[in-house]
C-alpha atoms as a PDB file:
ATOM      1  CA  MET A   1      96.051  63.427 124.878  1.00  0.00           C
ATOM      2  CA  ALA A   2      98.449  66.167 123.780  1.00  0.00           C
ATOM      3  CA  GLU A   3      99.795  68.843 126.079  1.00  0.00           C
ATOM      4  CA  ILE A   4      99.089  72.465 125.156  1.00  0.00           C
ATOM      5  CA  ARG A   5     101.867  75.042 125.382  1.00  0.00           C
ATOM      6  CA  TRP A   6     101.395  78.784 124.831  1.00  0.00           C
ATOM      7  CA  SER A   7     104.129  80.818 123.164  1.00  0.00           C
ATOM      8  CA  ARG A   8     105.024  84.160 124.726  1.00  0.00           C
ATOM      9  CA  GLU A   9     103.610  85.835 121.638  1.00  0.00           C
ATOM     10  CA  ALA A  10     100.276  84.056 122.006  1.00  0.00           C
ATOM     11  CA  GLU A  11     100.072  84.993 125.683  1.00  0.00           C
ATOM     12  CA  GLN A  12     100.839  88.609 124.776  1.00  0.00           C
ATOM     13  CA  TRP A  13      98.182  88.648 122.033  1.00  0.00           C
ATOM     14  CA  LEU A  14      95.579  87.308 124.463  1.00  0.00           C
ATOM     15  CA  ARG A  15      96.566  89.902 127.062  1.00  0.00           C
ATOM     16  CA  GLU A  16      96.302  92.690 124.450  1.00  0.00           C
ATOM     17  CA  ILE A  17      92.890  91.466 123.296  1.00  0.00           C
ATOM     18  CA  TYR A  18      91.686  91.519 126.892  1.00  0.00           C
ATOM     19  CA  GLU A  19      93.098  95.009 127.519  1.00  0.00           C
ATOM     20  CA  TYR A  20      91.622  96.421 124.317  1.00  0.00           C
ATOM     21  CA  ILE A  21      88.115  95.108 124.973  1.00  0.00           C
ATOM     22  CA  SER A  22      88.235  95.981 128.678  1.00  0.00           C
ATOM     23  CA  ARG A  23      88.548  99.690 127.845  1.00  0.00           C
ATOM     24  CA  ASP A  24      84.871  99.548 126.909  1.00  0.00           C
ATOM     25  CA  ASN A  25      83.607  96.541 128.835  1.00  0.00           C
ATOM     26  CA  PRO A  26      85.743  94.578 131.346  1.00  0.00           C
ATOM     27  CA  THR A  27      83.059  91.915 131.757  1.00  0.00           C
ATOM     28  CA  VAL A  28      82.973  91.130 128.050  1.00  0.00           C
ATOM     29  CA  ALA A  29      86.780  91.237 127.918  1.00  0.00           C
ATOM     30  CA  GLY A  30      86.951  88.520 130.550  1.00  0.00           C
ATOM     31  CA  LYS A  31      84.405  86.402 128.714  1.00  0.00           C
ATOM     32  CA  VAL A  32      86.270  86.710 125.405  1.00  0.00           C
ATOM     33  CA  ALA A  33      89.649  85.885 126.951  1.00  0.00           C
ATOM     34  CA  SER A  34      88.159  82.923 128.841  1.00  0.00           C
ATOM     35  CA  GLY A  35      86.348  81.764 125.729  1.00  0.00           C
ATOM     36  CA  ILE A  36      89.539  81.799 123.677  1.00  0.00           C
ATOM     37  CA  TYR A  37      91.405  79.897 126.388  1.00  0.00           C
ATOM     38  CA  ASP A  38      88.594  77.352 126.790  1.00  0.00           C
ATOM     39  CA  LYS A  39      88.459  76.813 123.035  1.00  0.00           C
ATOM     40  CA  THR A  40      92.177  75.949 122.992  1.00  0.00           C
ATOM     41  CA  GLN A  41      91.614  73.361 125.704  1.00  0.00           C
ATOM     42  CA  LEU A  42      89.448  71.372 123.282  1.00  0.00           C
ATOM     43  CA  LEU A  43      92.638  70.695 121.345  1.00  0.00           C
ATOM     44  CA  CYS A  44      93.812  68.316 124.091  1.00  0.00           C
ATOM     45  CA  ASP A  45      91.232  65.787 122.940  1.00  0.00           C
ATOM     46  CA  PHE A  46      90.699  66.980 119.361  1.00  0.00           C
ATOM     47  CA  PRO A  47      94.030  68.324 118.043  1.00  0.00           C
ATOM     48  CA  GLU A  48      92.826  68.482 114.439  1.00  0.00           C
ATOM     49  CA  LEU A  49      89.712  70.506 115.313  1.00  0.00           C
ATOM     50  CA  GLY A  50      90.944  73.552 113.396  1.00  0.00           C
ATOM     51  CA  TYR A  51      91.473  73.718 109.655  1.00  0.00           C
ATOM     52  CA  LYS A  52      94.859  73.033 108.117  1.00  0.00           C
ATOM     53  CA  TYR A  53      96.699  76.253 107.289  1.00  0.00           C
ATOM     54  CA  ARG A  54     100.032  74.877 106.076  1.00  0.00           C
ATOM     55  CA  GLU A  55     102.613  72.172 106.578  1.00  0.00           C
ATOM     56  CA  GLU A  56     105.940  72.985 108.259  1.00  0.00           C
ATOM     57  CA  PRO A  57     108.959  70.751 108.960  1.00  0.00           C
ATOM     58  CA  GLU A  58     108.046  70.902 112.681  1.00  0.00           C
ATOM     59  CA  GLY A  59     104.440  69.892 112.093  1.00  0.00           C
ATOM     60  CA  GLU A  60     101.058  71.007 110.857  1.00  0.00           C
ATOM     61  CA  VAL A  61      99.988  74.627 111.404  1.00  0.00           C
ATOM     62  CA  ARG A  62      96.237  74.814 111.931  1.00  0.00           C
ATOM     63  CA  ILE A  63      93.709  77.564 112.631  1.00  0.00           C
ATOM     64  CA  LEU A  64      90.934  77.267 115.200  1.00  0.00           C
ATOM     65  CA  LEU A  65      88.134  79.822 115.039  1.00  0.00           C
ATOM     66  CA  TYR A  66      86.564  81.585 118.003  1.00  0.00           C
ATOM     67  CA  GLY A  67      84.192  84.431 117.185  1.00  0.00           C
ATOM     68  CA  HIS A  68      86.163  87.118 115.358  1.00  0.00           C
ATOM     69  CA  TYR A  69      89.479  85.510 116.318  1.00  0.00           C
ATOM     70  CA  ARG A  70      91.743  82.925 114.751  1.00  0.00           C
ATOM     71  CA  ILE A  71      93.873  80.802 117.037  1.00  0.00           C
ATOM     72  CA  ALA A  72      96.993  79.595 115.236  1.00  0.00           C
ATOM     73  CA  TYR A  73      98.640  76.444 116.540  1.00  0.00           C
ATOM     74  CA  ILE A  74     101.069  73.789 115.452  1.00  0.00           C
ATOM     75  CA  ILE A  75     100.763  70.088 116.115  1.00  0.00           C
ATOM     76  CA  THR A  76     104.067  68.379 116.879  1.00  0.00           C
ATOM     77  CA  ASP A  77     104.742  64.853 118.105  1.00  0.00           C
ATOM     78  CA  ASP A  78     103.950  65.463 121.781  1.00  0.00           C
ATOM     79  CA  PHE A  79     102.609  68.998 121.993  1.00  0.00           C
ATOM     80  CA  ILE A  80     100.168  71.511 120.635  1.00  0.00           C
ATOM     81  CA  ASP A  81     101.860  74.893 120.595  1.00  0.00           C
ATOM     82  CA  ILE A  82      99.611  77.948 120.481  1.00  0.00           C
ATOM     83  CA  LEU A  83     101.394  80.369 118.162  1.00  0.00           C
ATOM     84  CA  GLY A  84      99.106  83.391 118.255  1.00  0.00           C
ATOM     85  CA  ILE A  85      95.610  84.817 118.501  1.00  0.00           C
ATOM     86  CA  PHE A  86      94.620  86.999 115.563  1.00  0.00           C
ATOM     87  CA  HIS A  87      91.592  89.145 114.880  1.00  0.00           C
ATOM     88  CA  GLY A  88      89.886  88.159 111.649  1.00  0.00           C
ATOM     89  CA  ALA A  89      90.647  91.577 110.122  1.00  0.00           C
ATOM     90  CA  LEU A  90      94.417  91.019 110.372  1.00  0.00           C
ATOM     91  CA  GLN A  91      96.432  89.510 107.568  1.00  0.00           C
ATOM     92  CA  ILE A  92      97.634  86.432 109.387  1.00  0.00           C
ATOM     93  CA  GLU A  93     100.339  85.810 106.774  1.00  0.00           C
ATOM     94  CA  ARG A  94     102.243  88.837 108.079  1.00  0.00           C
ATOM     95  CA  TYR A  95     102.592  87.214 111.485  1.00  0.00           C
ATOM     96  CA  LEU A  96     103.041  83.531 110.699  1.00  0.00           C
ATOM     97  CA  LEU A  97     106.255  83.504 108.725  1.00  0.00           C
END
């Protein structure tokens, strides 16, 4: 079972998603943020659940889908690092250099 670590950027993205949605509906914002977090927890048992995005020297970058969002993560030897949470409308290539 791999340990999940969140980057500061990923935490910030999740916070911004929550804040944006909560302007219209705080209840839905909480459900979306919780849903994204819960989805990442599946990676503890199923690290290759998402599709392969690209190979890096540090490991495999993969994308896990949740609704309109893409959760980018990298699998290393001992950890799963959450790199960011991106809305489907964003060009993810601009953020994952």
